Amino acid sequence: MHRSLAVNVIRSLEAFTSASPVVLTLGTFDGVHRGHRRILEHVVAISERSTLHSLLLTFDPHPREVIGRKGEQTYLLTTIEERIELLRNERIDTCLVLPFTRDMSMLDARTFFQEYIVRGLRAAHVVVGMDHAFGKGRSGSADELRLMGDKRNIEVTIVGELLVDGAKVSSSAIRNALAAGDVERARKFLGRPYQLAAFVIRGAGLGRQLGFPTANLDIHDRTKMLPRSGVYIVSVHIGDDEYTGLLNIGRRPTLSKQMHISSEVHIFNFSGNLYGLHVRVGLLERMRDEIRFDTKEQLVSQIRTDIERAQDRLQQRI
């Protein structure tokens, strides 16, 4: 079967029109991390061996946003657009994005299996991770899925967990690493630097006044997980060009009394107008906490030190 990066993305069950059974995997795949990609490798291998269409079923919004605790903010590693973009590299034939609704959340595991896996998608083979859960209250386990499949002559492959440095790779583990500022651990689990996608917006121009112009970032999605406040060495992608720089995430305590978290990046060896442009910032290394200085002169001295250290660290990475 011919493969391409042009994965077919559809957004309703009615739009799925495959005339033959499929090799199916399903889940939220937040982050499309190394554990997820291990599952997708099995899907593609089975699909190629059986000459069946490969299908990934995911959901938008994330189930947590629908059934999470009231008033509790949901933070995600990837927006649905980022997930789809990452999945283009995984050689899956079709990505089906279904709206996750309150009604769907009330379906018990057996009903979900019948309505979606059997009747709606005509799965011949289902591939999931060993901790996969489905149905109301996550009541259906991977082992129960296998038992249901046996009764319907649907083969189920359960992929074992992936360990990195002795720890299980999972979306929650990556979120915990980012919350602690451990972007190196997040990178190991993701298999790539964690990225923030943003538009550059106008700020107060304080960085330029200090001699270090910064691009103020407007993160696209309110659910996007931000790392712990601090200063980070980053890569910056602007169109097809890649730069490096320093990202500050925090409240800028020396220069303002703002309560909200802001993100701004100083890009090395760059000059030009970025306002309104889309950038992608990859977190390479955490340098330090955000610090409140007594004077602007102390802040400027620290920024100079940060830039020198960052450029030394980047040289070591080459």
Protein backbone atom coordinates (compact mmCIF):
# COMPACT_ATOMS: atom_id res chain seq x y z
CA MET A 1 0.00 0.00 0.00
CA HIS A 2 1.41 3.39 -0.97
CA ARG A 3 2.17 5.74 1.93
CA SER A 4 2.56 9.50 1.94
CA LEU A 5 2.72 12.33 4.45
CA ALA A 6 -0.64 13.59 3.18
CA VAL A 7 -2.67 11.86 5.89
CA ASN A 8 -6.39 12.05 5.22
CA VAL A 9 -8.05 13.99 8.05
CA ILE A 10 -11.82 13.69 8.52
CA ARG A 11 -13.98 15.07 11.31
CA SER A 12 -17.15 12.99 11.40
CA LEU A 13 -18.08 9.33 11.44
CA GLU A 14 -20.32 9.89 8.42
CA ALA A 15 -17.32 11.10 6.41
CA PHE A 16 -15.49 7.82 6.97
CA THR A 17 -16.32 5.73 3.91
CA SER A 18 -13.80 2.87 3.83
CA ALA A 19 -15.33 -0.09 2.04
CA SER A 20 -13.02 -2.58 3.75
CA PRO A 21 -12.11 -3.31 7.39
CA VAL A 22 -9.32 -1.27 8.99
CA VAL A 23 -6.41 -1.53 11.38
CA LEU A 24 -7.46 0.85 14.15
CA THR A 25 -5.84 2.63 17.04
CA LEU A 26 -7.65 5.11 19.24
CA GLY A 27 -6.95 7.59 22.00
CA THR A 28 -6.12 11.23 22.62
CA PHE A 29 -2.41 10.89 21.70
CA ASP A 30 -1.59 14.14 23.50
CA GLY A 31 2.01 15.00 22.67
CA VAL A 32 2.42 12.18 20.11
CA HIS A 33 5.31 11.06 22.31
CA ARG A 34 7.65 8.09 21.88
CA GLY A 35 5.19 5.69 23.50
CA HIS A 36 2.46 6.79 21.10
CA ARG A 37 4.79 6.40 18.13
CA ARG A 38 5.64 2.89 19.23
CA ILE A 39 1.92 2.04 19.00
CA LEU A 40 1.67 3.70 15.59
CA GLU A 41 4.64 1.67 14.33
CA HIS A 42 2.68 -1.49 15.16
CA VAL A 43 -0.40 -0.12 13.36
CA VAL A 44 1.56 0.65 10.20
CA ALA A 45 3.37 -2.71 10.24
CA ILE A 46 0.10 -4.63 10.62
CA SER A 47 -1.55 -2.48 7.96
CA GLU A 48 1.22 -3.14 5.46
CA ARG A 49 1.31 -6.84 6.25
CA SER A 50 -2.45 -7.24 5.89
CA THR A 51 -2.91 -4.62 3.12
CA LEU A 52 -5.66 -3.04 5.21
CA HIS A 53 -6.25 0.69 5.65
CA SER A 54 -4.76 2.19 8.83
CA LEU A 55 -6.97 4.49 10.91
CA LEU A 56 -6.29 6.60 13.99
CA LEU A 57 -9.31 7.77 15.97
CA THR A 58 -8.77 10.75 18.26
CA PHE A 59 -10.97 13.33 19.94
CA ASP A 60 -11.40 17.09 20.12
CA PRO A 61 -11.88 18.60 22.60
CA HIS A 62 -9.77 16.48 24.92
CA PRO A 63 -12.04 14.33 27.15
CA ARG A 64 -10.63 16.09 30.22
CA GLU A 65 -12.18 19.35 29.04
CA VAL A 66 -15.62 17.71 28.94
CA ILE A 67 -15.60 15.48 32.01
CA GLY A 68 -12.89 17.10 34.15
CA ARG A 69 -13.60 18.70 37.49
CA LYS A 70 -15.57 21.94 37.23
CA GLY A 71 -13.30 24.96 37.43
CA GLU A 72 -10.15 22.90 36.92
CA GLN A 73 -8.11 24.02 33.91
CA THR A 74 -6.99 21.37 31.43
CA TYR A 75 -3.48 21.77 30.04
CA LEU A 76 -2.34 19.87 26.95
CA LEU A 77 0.99 19.14 25.31
CA THR A 78 -0.45 19.55 21.82
CA THR A 79 -3.42 21.32 20.31
CA ILE A 80 -5.45 19.25 17.86
CA GLU A 81 -3.73 21.07 14.97
CA GLU A 82 -0.30 20.21 16.40
CA ARG A 83 -1.33 16.59 16.90
CA ILE A 84 -2.46 16.28 13.30
CA GLU A 85 0.76 17.87 12.04
CA LEU A 86 2.87 15.44 14.08
CA LEU A 87 0.81 12.49 12.89
CA ARG A 88 1.64 13.37 9.27
CA ASN A 89 5.08 11.86 9.90
CA GLU A 90 3.73 8.53 11.15
CA ARG A 91 2.46 7.04 7.86
CA ILE A 92 -1.11 6.55 9.07
CA ASP A 93 -3.63 6.55 6.20
CA THR A 94 -6.50 8.35 7.92
CA CYS A 95 -6.91 10.42 11.07
CA LEU A 96 -10.52 10.62 12.25
CA VAL A 97 -11.13 13.47 14.71
CA LEU A 98 -14.45 13.08 16.50
CA PRO A 99 -16.05 15.68 18.78
CA PHE A 100 -15.93 14.40 22.35
CA THR A 101 -19.29 15.21 23.88
CA ARG A 102 -21.05 14.65 27.20
CA ASP A 103 -23.24 12.03 25.48
CA MET A 104 -20.18 10.15 24.25
CA SER A 105 -18.69 10.23 27.76
CA MET A 106 -21.78 8.44 29.08
CA LEU A 107 -21.38 5.40 26.77
CA ASP A 108 -20.28 2.30 28.66
CA ALA A 109 -17.31 0.35 27.29
CA ARG A 110 -19.42 -2.33 25.59
CA THR A 111 -21.68 0.20 23.86
CA PHE A 112 -18.70 2.26 22.68
CA PHE A 113 -17.09 -0.91 21.31
CA GLN A 114 -20.25 -1.87 19.41
CA GLU A 115 -21.13 1.57 18.04
CA TYR A 116 -17.68 2.79 17.05
CA ILE A 117 -15.15 -0.04 16.78
CA VAL A 118 -17.49 -2.65 15.28
CA ARG A 119 -20.31 -0.84 13.51
CA GLY A 120 -18.92 2.60 12.73
CA LEU A 121 -15.31 1.78 11.78
CA ARG A 122 -15.44 -1.94 10.95
CA ALA A 123 -12.13 -2.67 12.67
CA ALA A 124 -10.43 -5.95 11.78
CA HIS A 125 -7.49 -5.30 14.10
CA VAL A 126 -7.17 -2.87 17.02
CA VAL A 127 -3.84 -1.73 18.48
CA VAL A 128 -3.67 -0.03 21.90
CA GLY A 129 -1.24 0.52 24.75
CA MET A 130 -1.45 -1.65 27.83
CA ASP A 131 -2.91 1.22 29.91
CA HIS A 132 -5.61 2.07 27.36
CA ALA A 133 -9.04 2.69 28.88
CA PHE A 134 -12.35 3.51 27.19
CA GLY A 135 -16.02 3.92 27.97
CA LYS A 136 -17.79 5.74 30.80
CA GLY A 137 -15.42 6.42 33.67
CA ARG A 138 -12.63 4.67 31.71
CA SER A 139 -14.31 1.42 32.71
CA GLY A 140 -13.02 -0.64 29.79
CA SER A 141 -9.42 -1.87 29.93
CA ALA A 142 -7.12 -3.13 27.18
CA ASP A 143 -7.65 -6.71 28.39
CA GLU A 144 -11.43 -6.26 28.24
CA LEU A 145 -11.06 -4.87 24.73
CA ARG A 146 -9.23 -8.05 23.77
CA LEU A 147 -12.05 -10.20 25.20
CA MET A 148 -14.66 -8.18 23.31
CA GLY A 149 -12.59 -8.49 20.15
CA ASP A 150 -12.35 -12.28 20.51
CA LYS A 151 -16.14 -12.53 20.46
CA ARG A 152 -16.31 -10.47 17.26
CA ASN A 153 -13.30 -12.04 15.53
CA ILE A 154 -11.41 -8.74 15.87
CA GLU A 155 -7.74 -9.16 16.69
CA VAL A 156 -6.39 -6.89 19.43
CA THR A 157 -2.70 -6.12 19.89
CA ILE A 158 -1.67 -4.65 23.24
CA VAL A 159 1.64 -2.79 23.08
CA GLY A 160 3.79 -2.82 26.21
CA GLU A 161 4.87 0.36 27.99
CA LEU A 162 8.00 2.20 26.89
CA LEU A 163 10.61 2.98 29.55
CA VAL A 164 13.20 5.74 29.24
CA ASP A 165 15.82 6.01 31.98
CA GLY A 166 13.74 3.48 33.91
CA ALA A 167 10.59 5.64 33.84
CA LYS A 168 7.38 5.02 31.92
CA VAL A 169 6.77 7.40 29.00
CA SER A 170 3.34 9.01 29.27
CA SER A 171 1.65 12.33 28.58
CA SER A 172 1.15 12.94 32.30
CA ALA A 173 4.85 12.27 33.00
CA ILE A 174 5.77 14.87 30.36
CA ARG A 175 3.36 17.39 31.88
CA ASN A 176 4.92 16.79 35.29
CA ALA A 177 8.41 17.30 33.85
CA LEU A 178 7.40 20.60 32.24
CA ALA A 179 5.74 21.78 35.46
CA ALA A 180 9.09 21.19 37.18
CA GLY A 181 11.01 22.93 34.39
CA ASP A 182 12.73 19.68 33.41
CA VAL A 183 12.62 20.23 29.64
CA GLU A 184 15.43 17.70 29.09
CA ARG A 185 13.29 14.92 30.56
CA ALA A 186 10.33 16.12 28.50
CA ARG A 187 12.53 16.03 25.37
CA LYS A 188 13.64 12.46 26.09
CA PHE A 189 10.04 11.31 26.47
CA LEU A 190 8.76 13.23 23.45
CA GLY A 191 11.72 12.39 21.22
CA ARG A 192 12.01 16.08 20.30
CA PRO A 193 12.11 19.44 22.12
CA TYR A 194 8.80 20.59 23.53
CA GLN A 195 7.41 23.37 21.33
CA LEU A 196 5.29 26.46 21.82
CA ALA A 197 3.52 27.91 18.78
CA ALA A 198 2.73 31.61 18.95
CA PHE A 199 2.14 34.85 17.11
CA VAL A 200 4.46 37.76 17.81
CA ILE A 201 2.56 40.70 19.30
CA ARG A 202 3.52 44.22 20.31
CA GLY A 203 4.75 44.68 23.85
CA ALA A 204 5.90 47.65 25.88
CA GLY A 205 9.33 47.65 24.22
CA LEU A 206 11.12 47.23 27.56
CA GLY A 207 13.58 44.68 26.18
CA ARG A 208 14.66 47.04 23.42
CA GLN A 209 15.12 49.83 25.96
CA LEU A 210 17.50 47.57 27.88
CA GLY A 211 19.46 46.76 24.72
CA PHE A 212 18.04 43.25 24.27
CA PRO A 213 14.98 43.39 21.97
CA THR A 214 12.47 40.61 22.56
CA ALA A 215 9.56 39.16 20.62
CA ASN A 216 6.45 39.02 22.80
CA LEU A 217 4.58 35.78 22.24
CA ASP A 218 0.84 35.22 22.11
CA ILE A 219 0.42 31.47 22.67
CA HIS A 220 -2.32 30.20 20.34
CA ASP A 221 -4.34 28.08 22.73
CA ARG A 222 -5.33 28.67 26.36
CA THR A 223 -5.03 24.94 27.05
CA LYS A 224 -1.38 24.75 25.95
CA MET A 225 0.91 23.56 28.74
CA LEU A 226 3.55 26.11 29.69
CA PRO A 227 6.72 25.04 31.49
CA ARG A 228 7.69 26.34 34.92
CA SER A 229 8.51 30.05 34.91
CA GLY A 230 12.14 30.84 34.23
CA VAL A 231 14.75 31.43 31.54
CA TYR A 232 15.27 28.81 28.81
CA ILE A 233 17.67 28.27 25.92
CA VAL A 234 15.48 27.76 22.86
CA SER A 235 15.38 27.21 19.13
CA VAL A 236 13.15 29.60 17.20
CA HIS A 237 11.59 28.60 13.87
CA ILE A 238 10.43 31.48 11.67
CA GLY A 239 9.15 30.10 8.39
CA ASP A 240 11.93 27.89 7.01
CA ASP A 241 14.63 29.61 9.07
CA GLU A 242 15.88 28.46 12.47
CA TYR A 243 17.57 30.60 15.11
CA THR A 244 18.49 30.21 18.75
CA GLY A 245 17.76 32.47 21.66
CA LEU A 246 16.62 32.94 25.24
CA LEU A 247 12.99 32.61 26.35
CA ASN A 248 11.68 34.20 29.52
CA ILE A 249 8.42 32.88 30.93
CA GLY A 250 7.05 34.67 33.98
CA ARG A 251 5.82 37.94 35.43
CA ARG A 252 8.93 40.12 34.76
CA PRO A 253 9.18 41.14 38.44
CA THR A 254 11.99 43.68 37.93
CA LEU A 255 10.21 45.66 35.22
CA SER A 256 6.52 45.38 36.09
CA LYS A 257 3.94 44.39 38.66
CA GLN A 258 1.92 42.28 36.25
CA MET A 259 0.06 39.27 37.64
CA HIS A 260 -0.32 37.33 34.38
CA ILE A 261 2.34 35.05 32.90
CA SER A 262 4.00 36.41 29.75
CA SER A 263 6.43 34.83 27.30
CA GLU A 264 9.10 36.74 25.41
CA VAL A 265 12.11 35.56 23.42
CA HIS A 266 15.39 37.30 22.60
CA ILE A 267 16.63 35.85 19.30
CA PHE A 268 20.37 35.67 18.71
CA ASN A 269 21.76 37.17 15.49
CA PHE A 270 18.38 38.36 14.24
CA SER A 271 17.14 41.77 13.17
CA GLY A 272 13.84 42.58 11.57
CA ASN A 273 10.15 43.06 12.22
CA LEU A 274 8.35 39.98 13.53
CA TYR A 275 5.01 41.54 14.48
CA GLY A 276 2.12 39.33 13.39
CA LEU A 277 4.33 36.45 12.31
CA HIS A 278 3.94 32.86 13.45
CA VAL A 279 6.90 31.35 15.29
CA ARG A 280 7.63 27.97 16.89
CA VAL A 281 9.84 27.94 19.96
CA GLY A 282 11.55 24.70 21.01
CA LEU A 283 12.70 24.39 24.64
CA LEU A 284 16.26 23.09 24.71
CA GLU A 285 17.49 23.72 28.25
CA ARG A 286 16.41 25.51 31.43
CA MET A 287 18.95 28.01 32.71
CA ARG A 288 17.52 29.53 35.86
CA ASP A 289 14.51 30.78 37.81
CA GLU A 290 13.04 34.19 37.15
CA ILE A 291 14.65 36.65 39.57
CA ARG A 292 13.61 40.06 40.86
CA PHE A 293 16.54 42.51 40.75
CA ASP A 294 16.74 45.75 42.69
CA THR A 295 17.89 47.78 39.69
CA LYS A 296 17.67 47.63 35.91
CA GLU A 297 21.49 47.66 35.82
CA GLN A 298 21.57 44.37 37.73
CA LEU A 299 19.03 42.92 35.29
CA VAL A 300 21.08 44.01 32.28
CA SER A 301 24.21 42.44 33.78
CA GLN A 302 22.34 39.17 34.37
CA ILE A 303 20.97 39.13 30.81
CA ARG A 304 24.49 39.56 29.43
CA THR A 305 25.65 36.65 31.59
CA ASP A 306 22.67 34.54 30.48
CA ILE A 307 23.43 35.18 26.80
CA GLU A 308 27.10 34.26 27.20
CA ARG A 309 26.23 31.06 29.08
CA ALA A 310 23.53 30.16 26.56
CA GLN A 311 25.85 30.59 23.60
CA ASP A 312 28.51 28.47 25.33
CA ARG A 313 25.92 25.75 25.99
CA LEU A 314 24.71 25.87 22.39
CA GLN A 315 28.29 25.54 21.16
CA GLN A 316 28.67 22.41 23.28
CA ARG A 317 25.51 20.92 21.73
CA ILE A 318 26.90 21.16 18.18
